[in-house]
Amino acid sequence: MTSIREPVVAGAFYPGSPAALSAELKRLFGTPVDVSEREITSPVGLIAPHAGYAYSGPTAAVGYRQLAFMGQPKWAIVLGANHTGLGRSISLARVGTWRTPLGEAPIATELADRLIATGLEVADEAFLREHSIEVQLPFLQFLFGAEIPFVPICVMLPPLSELMAFGEAISQVIRDEPGVVVASSDFTHYQPEEVARRIDHEAIERILALNVEGFYRSLVEERLSICGGGAITILMTVARKLGWNDTQLLSYATSGDVTGDRRSVVGYAAISFLGREHG
């Protein structure tokens, strides 16, 4: 019997009913999304935020709109932050389905097995209460169908060598396959607006340049509060190995844009990673 992971933040981070969630996603996208009918020809990457939709949803929608324009992915790998401390430094779930109000998305077990063969370990406990992957699923389901296969991977901040080794392993597994790798991350937490924007744009400059070492060094030495820093490091490594040199900051915002309180904000960014074939 296939195990089903029930949503843990439906009704909190995003609406809990199918009708309300669909309506919210339509609102976030603003205008109807023209989802390309063609399958994407090679993999692409995206950084998207994972706060409550009221705060980070508009930024995420900008990133997913571009993804929809590129074409239909056959699968998604979602690299999430690890807020709970459960599981291993990099944890994968291999089997089962994840339920959201929009339907049930199956784990792409065959793809997961190929990643496991590179040394990644299964640790289902990492996903029990973690929201960073779950909040990406409704965007993917809304655009590409409720049953889009995906692989959830929860990432802490282990040594750079471990993150880069896994990024290189992913690049070998997905090199010629039409899917998307999403790194789920918010940026600076609970700093004044001007401080958060300065810190975030310095980090974003390193991300856009695919400066993996410089980005990771800033995470550690400056103790940045970018919660998905490990996931972003992996995605940057994949991008560098696969030649996704067309990097673009699609949107940046802070919680202050919603609340009006600029004294203590959280930053959100949508960043795309494309290869030359997508130009």
C-alpha atoms as a PDB file:
ATOM      1  CA  MET A   1       0.000   0.000   0.000  1.00  0.00           C
ATOM      2  CA  THR A   2       1.393   3.381  -1.016  1.00  0.00           C
ATOM      3  CA  SER A   3       1.972   5.765   1.873  1.00  0.00           C
ATOM      4  CA  ILE A   4       0.416   9.217   1.668  1.00  0.00           C
ATOM      5  CA  ARG A   5       1.993  12.257   3.266  1.00  0.00           C
ATOM      6  CA  GLU A   6      -0.765  14.592   4.404  1.00  0.00           C
ATOM      7  CA  PRO A   7      -0.122  18.334   4.142  1.00  0.00           C
ATOM      8  CA  VAL A   8       1.106  19.981   7.338  1.00  0.00           C
ATOM      9  CA  VAL A   9       0.654  23.686   6.456  1.00  0.00           C
ATOM     10  CA  ALA A  10      -2.524  23.643   4.341  1.00  0.00           C
ATOM     11  CA  GLY A  11      -4.907  26.178   5.856  1.00  0.00           C
ATOM     12  CA  ALA A  12      -1.965  28.086   7.316  1.00  0.00           C
ATOM     13  CA  PHE A  13       0.693  28.852   4.702  1.00  0.00           C
ATOM     14  CA  TYR A  14      -1.818  28.430   1.865  1.00  0.00           C
ATOM     15  CA  PRO A  15      -5.590  27.797   1.620  1.00  0.00           C
ATOM     16  CA  GLY A  16      -6.783  24.401   2.743  1.00  0.00           C
ATOM     17  CA  SER A  17      -9.606  23.743   0.267  1.00  0.00           C
ATOM     18  CA  PRO A  18      -9.236  22.997  -3.459  1.00  0.00           C
ATOM     19  CA  ALA A  19     -11.438  25.902  -4.532  1.00  0.00           C
ATOM     20  CA  ALA A  20      -9.772  28.436  -2.238  1.00  0.00           C
ATOM     21  CA  LEU A  21      -6.266  27.279  -3.169  1.00  0.00           C
ATOM     22  CA  SER A  22      -7.002  27.438  -6.898  1.00  0.00           C
ATOM     23  CA  ALA A  23      -8.467  30.902  -6.461  1.00  0.00           C
ATOM     24  CA  GLU A  24      -5.404  32.037  -4.506  1.00  0.00           C
ATOM     25  CA  LEU A  25      -3.009  30.730  -7.151  1.00  0.00           C
ATOM     26  CA  LYS A  26      -5.007  32.498  -9.866  1.00  0.00           C
ATOM     27  CA  ARG A  27      -4.780  35.686  -7.811  1.00  0.00           C
ATOM     28  CA  LEU A  28      -1.031  35.319  -7.333  1.00  0.00           C
ATOM     29  CA  PHE A  29      -0.399  34.805 -11.039  1.00  0.00           C
ATOM     30  CA  GLY A  30      -2.590  37.821 -11.757  1.00  0.00           C
ATOM     31  CA  THR A  31      -3.342  36.950 -15.358  1.00  0.00           C
ATOM     32  CA  PRO A  32      -3.937  33.511 -16.873  1.00  0.00           C
ATOM     33  CA  VAL A  33      -0.724  31.540 -17.308  1.00  0.00           C
ATOM     34  CA  ASP A  34      -0.070  30.326 -20.828  1.00  0.00           C
ATOM     35  CA  VAL A  35       1.459  26.930 -20.085  1.00  0.00           C
ATOM     36  CA  SER A  36       3.429  25.737 -23.076  1.00  0.00           C
ATOM     37  CA  GLU A  37       2.132  22.472 -24.506  1.00  0.00           C
ATOM     38  CA  ARG A  38       5.609  21.351 -25.520  1.00  0.00           C
ATOM     39  CA  GLU A  39       7.857  19.365 -23.215  1.00  0.00           C
ATOM     40  CA  ILE A  40      11.007  21.168 -22.148  1.00  0.00           C
ATOM     41  CA  THR A  41      13.987  19.816 -24.044  1.00  0.00           C
ATOM     42  CA  SER A  42      16.477  19.761 -21.169  1.00  0.00           C
ATOM     43  CA  PRO A  43      16.486  20.436 -17.418  1.00  0.00           C
ATOM     44  CA  VAL A  44      16.202  23.903 -15.891  1.00  0.00           C
ATOM     45  CA  GLY A  45      16.551  25.346 -12.391  1.00  0.00           C
ATOM     46  CA  LEU A  46      14.566  27.726 -10.196  1.00  0.00           C
ATOM     47  CA  ILE A  47      14.939  29.282  -6.748  1.00  0.00           C
ATOM     48  CA  ALA A  48      11.531  30.021  -5.213  1.00  0.00           C
ATOM     49  CA  PRO A  49      10.519  31.174  -1.706  1.00  0.00           C
ATOM     50  CA  HIS A  50       8.482  29.128   0.754  1.00  0.00           C
ATOM     51  CA  ALA A  51       6.829  31.496   3.215  1.00  0.00           C
ATOM     52  CA  GLY A  52       3.068  31.884   3.520  1.00  0.00           C
ATOM     53  CA  TYR A  53       1.558  32.675   0.144  1.00  0.00           C
ATOM     54  CA  ALA A  54       0.319  36.048   1.389  1.00  0.00           C
ATOM     55  CA  TYR A  55       3.950  37.103   1.800  1.00  0.00           C
ATOM     56  CA  SER A  56       6.099  35.210  -0.713  1.00  0.00           C
ATOM     57  CA  GLY A  57       3.479  33.933  -3.136  1.00  0.00           C
ATOM     58  CA  PRO A  58       3.729  36.811  -5.641  1.00  0.00           C
ATOM     59  CA  THR A  59       7.508  36.312  -5.907  1.00  0.00           C
ATOM     60  CA  ALA A  60       7.152  32.553  -6.356  1.00  0.00           C
ATOM     61  CA  ALA A  61       4.486  33.083  -9.012  1.00  0.00           C
ATOM     62  CA  VAL A  62       6.873  35.148 -11.138  1.00  0.00           C
ATOM     63  CA  GLY A  63       9.369  32.279 -11.128  1.00  0.00           C
ATOM     64  CA  TYR A  64       6.789  29.626 -11.904  1.00  0.00           C
ATOM     65  CA  ARG A  65       5.282  31.719 -14.700  1.00  0.00           C
ATOM     66  CA  GLN A  66       8.622  31.662 -16.497  1.00  0.00           C
ATOM     67  CA  LEU A  67       8.890  27.917 -15.924  1.00  0.00           C
ATOM     68  CA  ALA A  68       5.455  27.432 -17.511  1.00  0.00           C
ATOM     69  CA  PHE A  69       6.593  29.444 -20.535  1.00  0.00           C
ATOM     70  CA  MET A  70       9.617  27.146 -20.980  1.00  0.00           C
ATOM     71  CA  GLY A  71       7.483  24.027 -21.341  1.00  0.00           C
ATOM     72  CA  GLN A  72       6.165  20.981 -19.512  1.00  0.00           C
ATOM     73  CA  PRO A  73       8.625  19.243 -17.170  1.00  0.00           C
ATOM     74  CA  LYS A  74       8.283  15.473 -16.833  1.00  0.00           C
ATOM     75  CA  TRP A  75       9.392  15.610 -13.198  1.00  0.00           C
ATOM     76  CA  ALA A  76      10.609  17.966 -10.492  1.00  0.00           C
ATOM     77  CA  ILE A  77      13.362  17.648  -7.917  1.00  0.00           C
ATOM     78  CA  VAL A  78      12.532  19.925  -4.990  1.00  0.00           C
ATOM     79  CA  LEU A  79      15.474  20.761  -2.742  1.00  0.00           C
ATOM     80  CA  GLY A  80      14.050  22.106   0.492  1.00  0.00           C
ATOM     81  CA  ALA A  81      15.445  23.709   3.598  1.00  0.00           C
ATOM     82  CA  ASN A  82      15.509  21.682   6.819  1.00  0.00           C
ATOM     83  CA  HIS A  83      13.861  23.712   9.580  1.00  0.00           C
ATOM     84  CA  THR A  84      13.259  20.798  11.968  1.00  0.00           C
ATOM     85  CA  GLY A  85      16.726  19.228  12.317  1.00  0.00           C
ATOM     86  CA  LEU A  86      15.287  15.779  11.615  1.00  0.00           C
ATOM     87  CA  GLY A  87      16.935  13.322   9.246  1.00  0.00           C
ATOM     88  CA  ARG A  88      20.372  13.450   7.709  1.00  0.00           C
ATOM     89  CA  SER A  89      22.361  16.364   6.341  1.00  0.00           C
ATOM     90  CA  ILE A  90      20.811  15.587   2.942  1.00  0.00           C
ATOM     91  CA  SER A  91      17.660  13.458   3.126  1.00  0.00           C
ATOM     92  CA  LEU A  92      15.539  11.916   0.386  1.00  0.00           C
ATOM     93  CA  ALA A  93      12.127  10.278   0.350  1.00  0.00           C
ATOM     94  CA  ARG A  94      11.884   7.367  -2.093  1.00  0.00           C
ATOM     95  CA  VAL A  95       8.273   6.180  -2.222  1.00  0.00           C
ATOM     96  CA  GLY A  96       4.747   7.376  -1.596  1.00  0.00           C
ATOM     97  CA  THR A  97       2.583  10.309  -2.598  1.00  0.00           C
ATOM     98  CA  TRP A  98       2.192  13.812  -1.179  1.00  0.00           C
ATOM     99  CA  ARG A  99      -1.336  15.138  -0.850  1.00  0.00           C
ATOM    100  CA  THR A 100      -2.275  18.807  -1.226  1.00  0.00           C
ATOM    101  CA  PRO A 101      -5.758  20.269  -1.666  1.00  0.00           C
ATOM    102  CA  LEU A 102      -5.142  20.058  -5.443  1.00  0.00           C
ATOM    103  CA  GLY A 103      -4.481  16.312  -5.470  1.00  0.00           C
ATOM    104  CA  GLU A 104      -1.799  13.687  -4.925  1.00  0.00           C
ATOM    105  CA  ALA A 105       1.692  14.035  -6.422  1.00  0.00           C
ATOM    106  CA  PRO A 106       3.678  10.787  -6.555  1.00  0.00           C
ATOM    107  CA  ILE A 107       7.339  10.529  -5.673  1.00  0.00           C
ATOM    108  CA  ALA A 108       9.320   9.676  -8.821  1.00  0.00           C
ATOM    109  CA  THR A 109      10.776   6.476  -7.396  1.00  0.00           C
ATOM    110  CA  GLU A 110      12.855   5.536 -10.431  1.00  0.00           C
ATOM    111  CA  LEU A 111      14.561   8.936 -10.410  1.00  0.00           C
ATOM    112  CA  ALA A 112      14.955   8.738  -6.623  1.00  0.00           C
ATOM    113  CA  ASP A 113      16.634   5.329  -6.964  1.00  0.00           C
ATOM    114  CA  ARG A 114      19.174   6.731  -9.395  1.00  0.00           C
ATOM    115  CA  LEU A 115      19.985   9.483  -6.915  1.00  0.00           C
ATOM    116  CA  ILE A 116      20.263   6.944  -4.099  1.00  0.00           C
ATOM    117  CA  ALA A 117      22.737   5.017  -6.221  1.00  0.00           C
ATOM    118  CA  THR A 118      25.036   8.075  -6.072  1.00  0.00           C
ATOM    119  CA  GLY A 119      25.138   7.862  -2.274  1.00  0.00           C
ATOM    120  CA  LEU A 120      22.122   9.867  -1.123  1.00  0.00           C
ATOM    121  CA  GLU A 121      20.322   8.376   1.865  1.00  0.00           C
ATOM    122  CA  VAL A 122      16.623   7.912   2.553  1.00  0.00           C
ATOM    123  CA  ALA A 123      15.380   9.598   5.742  1.00  0.00           C
ATOM    124  CA  ASP A 124      11.605   9.915   5.720  1.00  0.00           C
ATOM    125  CA  GLU A 125      11.550  11.595   9.121  1.00  0.00           C
ATOM    126  CA  ALA A 126      13.050  14.749   7.605  1.00  0.00           C
ATOM    127  CA  PHE A 127       9.735  15.450   5.858  1.00  0.00           C
ATOM    128  CA  LEU A 128       7.258  14.844   8.678  1.00  0.00           C
ATOM    129  CA  ARG A 129       6.840  18.503   9.679  1.00  0.00           C
ATOM    130  CA  GLU A 130       8.915  20.305   7.048  1.00  0.00           C
ATOM    131  CA  HIS A 131       7.015  22.892   5.004  1.00  0.00           C
ATOM    132  CA  SER A 132       9.638  24.139   2.540  1.00  0.00           C
ATOM    133  CA  ILE A 133       8.977  21.434  -0.062  1.00  0.00           C
ATOM    134  CA  GLU A 134       5.245  21.156   0.500  1.00  0.00           C
ATOM    135  CA  VAL A 135       4.520  24.807  -0.348  1.00  0.00           C
ATOM    136  CA  GLN A 136       6.116  24.400  -3.801  1.00  0.00           C
ATOM    137  CA  LEU A 137       3.831  21.534  -4.812  1.00  0.00           C
ATOM    138  CA  PRO A 138       0.603  23.522  -5.397  1.00  0.00           C
ATOM    139  CA  PHE A 139       2.434  25.786  -7.855  1.00  0.00           C
ATOM    140  CA  LEU A 140       3.728  22.757  -9.769  1.00  0.00           C
ATOM    141  CA  GLN A 141       0.351  21.000  -9.622  1.00  0.00           C
ATOM    142  CA  PHE A 142      -1.613  24.068 -10.689  1.00  0.00           C
ATOM    143  CA  LEU A 143       0.555  24.516 -13.787  1.00  0.00           C
ATOM    144  CA  PHE A 144       1.503  20.974 -14.765  1.00  0.00           C
ATOM    145  CA  GLY A 145      -1.124  18.699 -13.257  1.00  0.00           C
ATOM    146  CA  ALA A 146      -1.858  17.363  -9.796  1.00  0.00           C
ATOM    147  CA  GLU A 147       0.057  14.132 -10.404  1.00  0.00           C
ATOM    148  CA  ILE A 148       3.405  15.618 -11.457  1.00  0.00           C
ATOM    149  CA  PRO A 149       6.134  13.198 -10.278  1.00  0.00           C
ATOM    150  CA  PHE A 150       8.726  14.714  -7.984  1.00  0.00           C
ATOM    151  CA  VAL A 151      11.594  13.861  -5.659  1.00  0.00           C
ATOM    152  CA  PRO A 152      11.661  15.649  -2.275  1.00  0.00           C
ATOM    153  CA  ILE A 153      15.132  16.293  -0.837  1.00  0.00           C
ATOM    154  CA  CYS A 154      15.649  18.048   2.496  1.00  0.00           C
ATOM    155  CA  VAL A 155      18.985  19.842   2.923  1.00  0.00           C
ATOM    156  CA  MET A 156      20.808  21.145   6.004  1.00  0.00           C
ATOM    157  CA  LEU A 157      24.144  22.992   5.731  1.00  0.00           C
ATOM    158  CA  PRO A 158      26.859  20.300   5.715  1.00  0.00           C
ATOM    159  CA  PRO A 159      30.416  20.958   4.470  1.00  0.00           C
ATOM    160  CA  LEU A 160      30.698  22.495   1.018  1.00  0.00           C
ATOM    161  CA  SER A 161      32.366  19.348  -0.332  1.00  0.00           C
ATOM    162  CA  GLU A 162      29.283  17.279   0.500  1.00  0.00           C
ATOM    163  CA  LEU A 163      26.885  19.745  -1.132  1.00  0.00           C
ATOM    164  CA  MET A 164      29.005  20.041  -4.267  1.00  0.00           C
ATOM    165  CA  ALA A 165      29.443  16.281  -4.539  1.00  0.00           C
ATOM    166  CA  PHE A 166      25.695  15.800  -4.484  1.00  0.00           C
ATOM    167  CA  GLY A 167      25.161  18.644  -6.942  1.00  0.00           C
ATOM    168  CA  GLU A 168      27.601  16.972  -9.314  1.00  0.00           C
ATOM    169  CA  ALA A 169      25.799  13.654  -8.841  1.00  0.00           C
ATOM    170  CA  ILE A 170      22.435  15.232  -9.683  1.00  0.00           C
ATOM    171  CA  SER A 171      23.921  16.780 -12.815  1.00  0.00           C
ATOM    172  CA  GLN A 172      25.034  13.351 -14.027  1.00  0.00           C
ATOM    173  CA  VAL A 173      21.644  11.777 -13.352  1.00  0.00           C
ATOM    174  CA  ILE A 174      19.492  14.473 -15.016  1.00  0.00           C
ATOM    175  CA  ARG A 175      21.828  15.724 -17.740  1.00  0.00           C
ATOM    176  CA  ASP A 176      19.613  14.856 -20.712  1.00  0.00           C
ATOM    177  CA  GLU A 177      16.226  14.703 -19.020  1.00  0.00           C
ATOM    178  CA  PRO A 178      13.386  17.244 -19.266  1.00  0.00           C
ATOM    179  CA  GLY A 179      12.700  18.268 -15.682  1.00  0.00           C
ATOM    180  CA  VAL A 180      13.103  21.119 -13.213  1.00  0.00           C
ATOM    181  CA  VAL A 181      15.263  21.413 -10.101  1.00  0.00           C
ATOM    182  CA  VAL A 182      13.708  23.785  -7.558  1.00  0.00           C
ATOM    183  CA  ALA A 183      15.633  25.138  -4.579  1.00  0.00           C
ATOM    184  CA  SER A 184      13.116  26.249  -1.960  1.00  0.00           C
ATOM    185  CA  SER A 185      14.500  29.084   0.139  1.00  0.00           C
ATOM    186  CA  ASP A 186      13.666  32.383   1.754  1.00  0.00           C
ATOM    187  CA  PHE A 187      16.444  34.925   2.099  1.00  0.00           C
ATOM    188  CA  THR A 188      17.440  37.217   4.997  1.00  0.00           C
ATOM    189  CA  HIS A 189      15.246  36.905   8.093  1.00  0.00           C
ATOM    190  CA  TYR A 190      14.215  39.591  10.571  1.00  0.00           C
ATOM    191  CA  GLN A 191      16.499  42.456   9.642  1.00  0.00           C
ATOM    192  CA  PRO A 192      15.583  46.051   8.868  1.00  0.00           C
ATOM    193  CA  GLU A 193      14.518  46.480   5.248  1.00  0.00           C
ATOM    194  CA  GLU A 194      17.648  48.292   4.077  1.00  0.00           C
ATOM    195  CA  VAL A 195      19.928  45.747   5.752  1.00  0.00           C
ATOM    196  CA  ALA A 196      18.031  42.759   4.353  1.00  0.00           C
ATOM    197  CA  ARG A 197      18.077  44.145   0.827  1.00  0.00           C
ATOM    198  CA  ARG A 198      21.815  44.840   0.967  1.00  0.00           C
ATOM    199  CA  ILE A 199      22.683  41.388   2.333  1.00  0.00           C
ATOM    200  CA  ASP A 200      20.358  39.623  -0.095  1.00  0.00           C
ATOM    201  CA  HIS A 201      21.554  41.411  -3.202  1.00  0.00           C
ATOM    202  CA  GLU A 202      25.168  40.681  -2.319  1.00  0.00           C
ATOM    203  CA  ALA A 203      24.233  36.997  -2.012  1.00  0.00           C
ATOM    204  CA  ILE A 204      22.184  37.127  -5.210  1.00  0.00           C
ATOM    205  CA  GLU A 205      25.164  38.544  -7.114  1.00  0.00           C
ATOM    206  CA  ARG A 206      27.163  35.437  -6.127  1.00  0.00           C
ATOM    207  CA  ILE A 207      24.264  33.178  -7.092  1.00  0.00           C
ATOM    208  CA  LEU A 208      23.875  34.781 -10.525  1.00  0.00           C
ATOM    209  CA  ALA A 209      27.626  34.418 -11.109  1.00  0.00           C
ATOM    210  CA  LEU A 210      27.434  30.728 -10.058  1.00  0.00           C
ATOM    211  CA  ASN A 211      30.109  31.522  -7.488  1.00  0.00           C
ATOM    212  CA  VAL A 212      29.381  28.413  -5.429  1.00  0.00           C
ATOM    213  CA  GLU A 213      32.407  28.761  -3.145  1.00  0.00           C
ATOM    214  CA  GLY A 214      31.846  32.463  -2.491  1.00  0.00           C
ATOM    215  CA  PHE A 215      28.161  31.983  -1.754  1.00  0.00           C
ATOM    216  CA  TYR A 216      28.796  29.128   0.669  1.00  0.00           C
ATOM    217  CA  ARG A 217      31.622  31.045   2.360  1.00  0.00           C
ATOM    218  CA  SER A 218      29.296  33.997   2.961  1.00  0.00           C
ATOM    219  CA  LEU A 219      26.649  31.658   4.429  1.00  0.00           C
ATOM    220  CA  VAL A 220      29.125  30.336   6.974  1.00  0.00           C
ATOM    221  CA  GLU A 221      31.398  33.286   7.716  1.00  0.00           C
ATOM    222  CA  GLU A 222      28.671  35.924   7.764  1.00  0.00           C
ATOM    223  CA  ARG A 223      26.135  33.566   9.355  1.00  0.00           C
ATOM    224  CA  LEU A 224      23.508  34.511   6.803  1.00  0.00           C
ATOM    225  CA  SER A 225      19.935  33.597   7.660  1.00  0.00           C
ATOM    226  CA  ILE A 226      19.153  32.285   4.166  1.00  0.00           C
ATOM    227  CA  CYS A 227      17.342  29.167   5.352  1.00  0.00           C
ATOM    228  CA  GLY A 228      17.738  27.156   2.150  1.00  0.00           C
ATOM    229  CA  GLY A 229      21.399  27.987   1.661  1.00  0.00           C
ATOM    230  CA  GLY A 230      22.375  24.328   1.353  1.00  0.00           C
ATOM    231  CA  ALA A 231      19.674  23.715  -1.260  1.00  0.00           C
ATOM    232  CA  ILE A 232      20.789  26.772  -3.234  1.00  0.00           C
ATOM    233  CA  THR A 233      24.415  25.612  -3.100  1.00  0.00           C
ATOM    234  CA  ILE A 234      23.416  22.260  -4.598  1.00  0.00           C
ATOM    235  CA  LEU A 235      21.377  23.944  -7.343  1.00  0.00           C
ATOM    236  CA  MET A 236      24.243  26.320  -8.174  1.00  0.00           C
ATOM    237  CA  THR A 237      26.581  23.333  -8.497  1.00  0.00           C
ATOM    238  CA  VAL A 238      24.143  21.598 -10.851  1.00  0.00           C
ATOM    239  CA  ALA A 239      23.856  24.789 -12.893  1.00  0.00           C
ATOM    240  CA  ARG A 240      27.611  25.161 -13.170  1.00  0.00           C
ATOM    241  CA  LYS A 241      28.133  21.526 -14.179  1.00  0.00           C
ATOM    242  CA  LEU A 242      25.369  21.604 -16.804  1.00  0.00           C
ATOM    243  CA  GLY A 243      26.226  25.013 -18.213  1.00  0.00           C
ATOM    244  CA  TRP A 244      23.106  26.825 -17.046  1.00  0.00           C
ATOM    245  CA  ASN A 245      24.873  30.156 -17.469  1.00  0.00           C
ATOM    246  CA  ASP A 246      21.739  32.130 -18.268  1.00  0.00           C
ATOM    247  CA  THR A 247      20.908  33.156 -14.703  1.00  0.00           C
ATOM    248  CA  GLN A 248      18.327  35.823 -13.974  1.00  0.00           C
ATOM    249  CA  LEU A 249      16.818  37.476 -10.923  1.00  0.00           C
ATOM    250  CA  LEU A 250      13.141  37.443 -11.850  1.00  0.00           C
ATOM    251  CA  SER A 251      11.716  39.032  -8.728  1.00  0.00           C
ATOM    252  CA  TYR A 252      12.784  40.242  -5.293  1.00  0.00           C
ATOM    253  CA  ALA A 253      10.529  41.413  -2.474  1.00  0.00           C
ATOM    254  CA  THR A 254      10.325  41.508   1.303  1.00  0.00           C
ATOM    255  CA  SER A 255       7.567  40.878   3.800  1.00  0.00           C
ATOM    256  CA  GLY A 256       7.550  44.626   4.356  1.00  0.00           C
ATOM    257  CA  ASP A 257       6.013  45.062   0.919  1.00  0.00           C
ATOM    258  CA  VAL A 258       2.941  43.286   2.296  1.00  0.00           C
ATOM    259  CA  THR A 259       2.833  44.364   5.924  1.00  0.00           C
ATOM    260  CA  GLY A 260       4.218  47.882   5.545  1.00  0.00           C
ATOM    261  CA  ASP A 261       6.499  47.192   8.523  1.00  0.00           C
ATOM    262  CA  ARG A 262      10.076  47.794   7.356  1.00  0.00           C
ATOM    263  CA  ARG A 263      11.693  47.371  10.773  1.00  0.00           C
ATOM    264  CA  SER A 264      12.054  43.567  10.588  1.00  0.00           C
ATOM    265  CA  VAL A 265      11.516  41.810   7.276  1.00  0.00           C
ATOM    266  CA  VAL A 266      12.109  38.531   5.445  1.00  0.00           C
ATOM    267  CA  GLY A 267      13.482  38.594   1.898  1.00  0.00           C
ATOM    268  CA  TYR A 268      12.162  36.557  -1.032  1.00  0.00           C
ATOM    269  CA  ALA A 269      13.695  35.957  -4.461  1.00  0.00           C
ATOM    270  CA  ALA A 270      12.832  34.073  -7.639  1.00  0.00           C
ATOM    271  CA  ILE A 271      15.911  33.198  -9.721  1.00  0.00           C
ATOM    272  CA  SER A 272      16.035  31.126 -12.908  1.00  0.00           C
ATOM    273  CA  PHE A 273      18.855  28.978 -14.291  1.00  0.00           C
ATOM    274  CA  LEU A 274      18.753  28.140 -17.993  1.00  0.00           C
ATOM    275  CA  GLY A 275      21.131  26.642 -20.516  1.00  0.00           C
ATOM    276  CA  ARG A 276      21.933  28.029 -23.965  1.00  0.00           C
ATOM    277  CA  GLU A 277      19.332  25.789 -25.564  1.00  0.00           C
ATOM    278  CA  HIS A 278      16.610  27.756 -23.771  1.00  0.00           C
ATOM    279  CA  GLY A 279      17.772  31.125 -25.055  1.00  0.00           C
END
